[in-house]
C-alpha atoms as a PDB file:
ATOM      1  CA  UNK A   1     114.082 114.139 160.026  1.00  0.00           C
ATOM      2  CA  UNK A   2     114.975 112.219 163.089  1.00  0.00           C
ATOM      3  CA  UNK A   3     112.626 111.280 165.867  1.00  0.00           C
ATOM      4  CA  UNK A   4     113.678 111.522 169.389  1.00  0.00           C
ATOM      5  CA  UNK A   5     111.389 109.539 171.758  1.00  0.00           C
ATOM      6  CA  UNK A   6     112.846 111.376 174.639  1.00  0.00           C
ATOM      7  CA  UNK A   7     110.838 114.463 173.615  1.00  0.00           C
ATOM      8  CA  UNK A   8     107.676 112.334 173.800  1.00  0.00           C
ATOM      9  CA  UNK A   9     108.000 111.066 177.370  1.00  0.00           C
ATOM     10  CA  UNK A  10     108.490 112.881 180.727  1.00  0.00           C
ATOM     11  CA  UNK A  11     112.060 113.804 181.597  1.00  0.00           C
ATOM     12  CA  UNK A  12     112.178 111.588 184.696  1.00  0.00           C
ATOM     13  CA  UNK A  13     111.497 108.514 182.457  1.00  0.00           C
ATOM     14  CA  UNK A  14     113.589 109.573 179.523  1.00  0.00           C
ATOM     15  CA  UNK A  15     116.708 109.336 181.733  1.00  0.00           C
ATOM     16  CA  UNK A  16     115.879 105.656 182.516  1.00  0.00           C
ATOM     17  CA  UNK A  17     115.906 104.660 178.826  1.00  0.00           C
ATOM     18  CA  UNK A  18     118.667 101.989 177.842  1.00  0.00           C
ATOM     19  CA  UNK A  19     121.600 103.934 176.180  1.00  0.00           C
ATOM     20  CA  UNK A  20     123.623 101.075 174.549  1.00  0.00           C
ATOM     21  CA  UNK A  21     122.597  97.851 172.999  1.00  0.00           C
ATOM     22  CA  UNK A  22     123.820  95.700 175.901  1.00  0.00           C
ATOM     23  CA  UNK A  23     121.423  97.418 178.175  1.00  0.00           C
ATOM     24  CA  UNK A  24     118.262  96.315 176.056  1.00  0.00           C
ATOM     25  CA  UNK A  25     116.318  93.573 177.743  1.00  0.00           C
ATOM     26  CA  UNK A  26     116.499  90.697 175.420  1.00  0.00           C
ATOM     27  CA  UNK A  27     114.304  87.640 175.363  1.00  0.00           C
ATOM     28  CA  UNK A  28     117.033  84.929 175.224  1.00  0.00           C
ATOM     29  CA  UNK A  29     114.650  82.355 173.803  1.00  0.00           C
ATOM     30  CA  UNK A  30     114.337  84.617 170.796  1.00  0.00           C
ATOM     31  CA  UNK A  31     118.113  84.696 170.613  1.00  0.00           C
ATOM     32  CA  UNK A  32     118.348  80.813 170.675  1.00  0.00           C
ATOM     33  CA  UNK A  33     115.773  80.590 167.853  1.00  0.00           C
ATOM     34  CA  UNK A  34     117.757  83.287 165.855  1.00  0.00           C
ATOM     35  CA  UNK A  35     120.992  81.061 166.163  1.00  0.00           C
ATOM     36  CA  UNK A  36     119.106  78.059 165.079  1.00  0.00           C
ATOM     37  CA  UNK A  37     117.880  80.035 161.948  1.00  0.00           C
ATOM     38  CA  UNK A  38     121.477  81.209 161.241  1.00  0.00           C
ATOM     39  CA  UNK A  39     122.806  77.634 161.587  1.00  0.00           C
ATOM     40  CA  UNK A  40     120.459  76.621 159.024  1.00  0.00           C
ATOM     41  CA  UNK A  41     121.945  79.018 156.601  1.00  0.00           C
ATOM     42  CA  UNK A  42     119.566  82.022 156.878  1.00  0.00           C
ATOM     43  CA  UNK A  43     121.066  85.344 156.214  1.00  0.00           C
ATOM     44  CA  UNK A  44     120.066  87.971 158.762  1.00  0.00           C
ATOM     45  CA  UNK A  45     120.384  91.643 159.498  1.00  0.00           C
ATOM     46  CA  UNK A  46     121.967  91.900 163.102  1.00  0.00           C
ATOM     47  CA  UNK A  47     120.376  95.133 164.037  1.00  0.00           C
ATOM     48  CA  UNK A  48     116.869  93.852 162.934  1.00  0.00           C
ATOM     49  CA  UNK A  49     117.408  90.781 164.846  1.00  0.00           C
ATOM     50  CA  UNK A  50     118.692  92.319 167.920  1.00  0.00           C
ATOM     51  CA  UNK A  51     115.572  94.674 168.038  1.00  0.00           C
ATOM     52  CA  UNK A  52     113.240  91.684 167.258  1.00  0.00           C
ATOM     53  CA  UNK A  53     114.610  89.973 170.323  1.00  0.00           C
ATOM     54  CA  UNK A  54     113.969  92.895 172.661  1.00  0.00           C
ATOM     55  CA  UNK A  55     111.241  92.023 175.325  1.00  0.00           C
ATOM     56  CA  UNK A  56     109.552  95.466 174.857  1.00  0.00           C
ATOM     57  CA  UNK A  57     106.505  94.805 176.901  1.00  0.00           C
ATOM     58  CA  UNK A  58     108.264  93.160 179.876  1.00  0.00           C
ATOM     59  CA  UNK A  59     110.841  95.961 180.251  1.00  0.00           C
ATOM     60  CA  UNK A  60     109.162  99.126 179.202  1.00  0.00           C
ATOM     61  CA  UNK A  61     106.041 100.719 180.631  1.00  0.00           C
ATOM     62  CA  UNK A  62     104.339 103.983 180.368  1.00  0.00           C
ATOM     63  CA  UNK A  63     104.501 106.661 183.061  1.00  0.00           C
ATOM     64  CA  UNK A  64     101.561 104.969 184.988  1.00  0.00           C
ATOM     65  CA  UNK A  65     103.265 101.526 184.830  1.00  0.00           C
ATOM     66  CA  UNK A  66     100.959 100.169 182.237  1.00  0.00           C
ATOM     67  CA  UNK A  67     102.493  97.952 179.448  1.00  0.00           C
ATOM     68  CA  UNK A  68     103.172  99.722 176.225  1.00  0.00           C
ATOM     69  CA  UNK A  69     100.730  99.523 173.306  1.00  0.00           C
ATOM     70  CA  UNK A  70     101.782  98.554 169.757  1.00  0.00           C
ATOM     71  CA  UNK A  71     102.208 102.265 168.698  1.00  0.00           C
ATOM     72  CA  UNK A  72     104.498 102.952 171.578  1.00  0.00           C
ATOM     73  CA  UNK A  73     106.509  99.834 170.884  1.00  0.00           C
ATOM     74  CA  UNK A  74     106.849 100.905 167.215  1.00  0.00           C
ATOM     75  CA  UNK A  75     108.217 104.305 168.365  1.00  0.00           C
ATOM     76  CA  UNK A  76     110.737 102.683 170.663  1.00  0.00           C
ATOM     77  CA  UNK A  77     111.711 100.218 167.916  1.00  0.00           C
ATOM     78  CA  UNK A  78     112.278 103.091 165.488  1.00  0.00           C
ATOM     79  CA  UNK A  79     114.155 105.160 168.111  1.00  0.00           C
ATOM     80  CA  UNK A  80     116.492 102.472 168.819  1.00  0.00           C
ATOM     81  CA  UNK A  81     117.049 101.459 165.104  1.00  0.00           C
ATOM     82  CA  UNK A  82     118.137 105.020 164.515  1.00  0.00           C
ATOM     83  CA  UNK A  83     120.110 105.301 167.587  1.00  0.00           C
ATOM     84  CA  UNK A  84     122.085 102.027 166.925  1.00  0.00           C
ATOM     85  CA  UNK A  85     122.386 102.314 163.104  1.00  0.00           C
ATOM     86  CA  UNK A  86     126.017 102.772 163.310  1.00  0.00           C
ATOM     87  CA  UNK A  87     126.865 100.037 165.736  1.00  0.00           C
ATOM     88  CA  UNK A  88     129.080  97.594 164.088  1.00  0.00           C
ATOM     89  CA  UNK A  89     128.103  94.136 163.244  1.00  0.00           C
ATOM     90  CA  UNK A  90     130.975  92.555 165.242  1.00  0.00           C
ATOM     91  CA  UNK A  91     129.645  94.232 168.413  1.00  0.00           C
ATOM     92  CA  UNK A  92     126.044  93.254 167.691  1.00  0.00           C
ATOM     93  CA  UNK A  93     127.074  89.466 166.876  1.00  0.00           C
ATOM     94  CA  UNK A  94     129.251  89.375 170.064  1.00  0.00           C
ATOM     95  CA  UNK A  95     126.355  90.688 172.133  1.00  0.00           C
ATOM     96  CA  UNK A  96     123.803  88.152 170.603  1.00  0.00           C
ATOM     97  CA  UNK A  97     126.512  85.322 171.069  1.00  0.00           C
ATOM     98  CA  UNK A  98     126.883  86.276 174.630  1.00  0.00           C
ATOM     99  CA  UNK A  99     123.176  86.119 175.337  1.00  0.00           C
ATOM    100  CA  UNK A 100     122.822  82.761 173.424  1.00  0.00           C
ATOM    101  CA  UNK A 101     125.754  81.423 175.610  1.00  0.00           C
ATOM    102  CA  UNK A 102     124.270  82.706 178.839  1.00  0.00           C
ATOM    103  CA  UNK A 103     120.802  80.956 177.875  1.00  0.00           C
ATOM    104  CA  UNK A 104     122.703  77.751 176.992  1.00  0.00           C
ATOM    105  CA  UNK A 105     124.395  77.751 180.468  1.00  0.00           C
ATOM    106  CA  UNK A 106     121.019  78.557 182.240  1.00  0.00           C
ATOM    107  CA  UNK A 107     119.576  75.555 180.581  1.00  0.00           C
ATOM    108  CA  UNK A 108     122.431  73.311 181.406  1.00  0.00           C
ATOM    109  CA  UNK A 109     123.782  72.828 177.892  1.00  0.00           C
END
């Protein structure tokens, strides 16, 4: 049975949720750390790592503007895992690579 988080939040907020992986707010420092781990030879699951790099608390809030609690973050994480399960690894790798390069440029590297 699939869970649709949009049913658990008011309509005016559900239309504001990111629809594609590139719309998710990523913490670029987490992406830099991911690239370092991959360079060391660690094998990864791209979708897991993409979702682990999302800055859930900074980008999402409840209807009153309060930061999400762990349960709400877990529900969002599960929602996006199911939503993006069929997104190909090349797309995810390209997205993470672009975020990495953007951070490198921002740092002057």
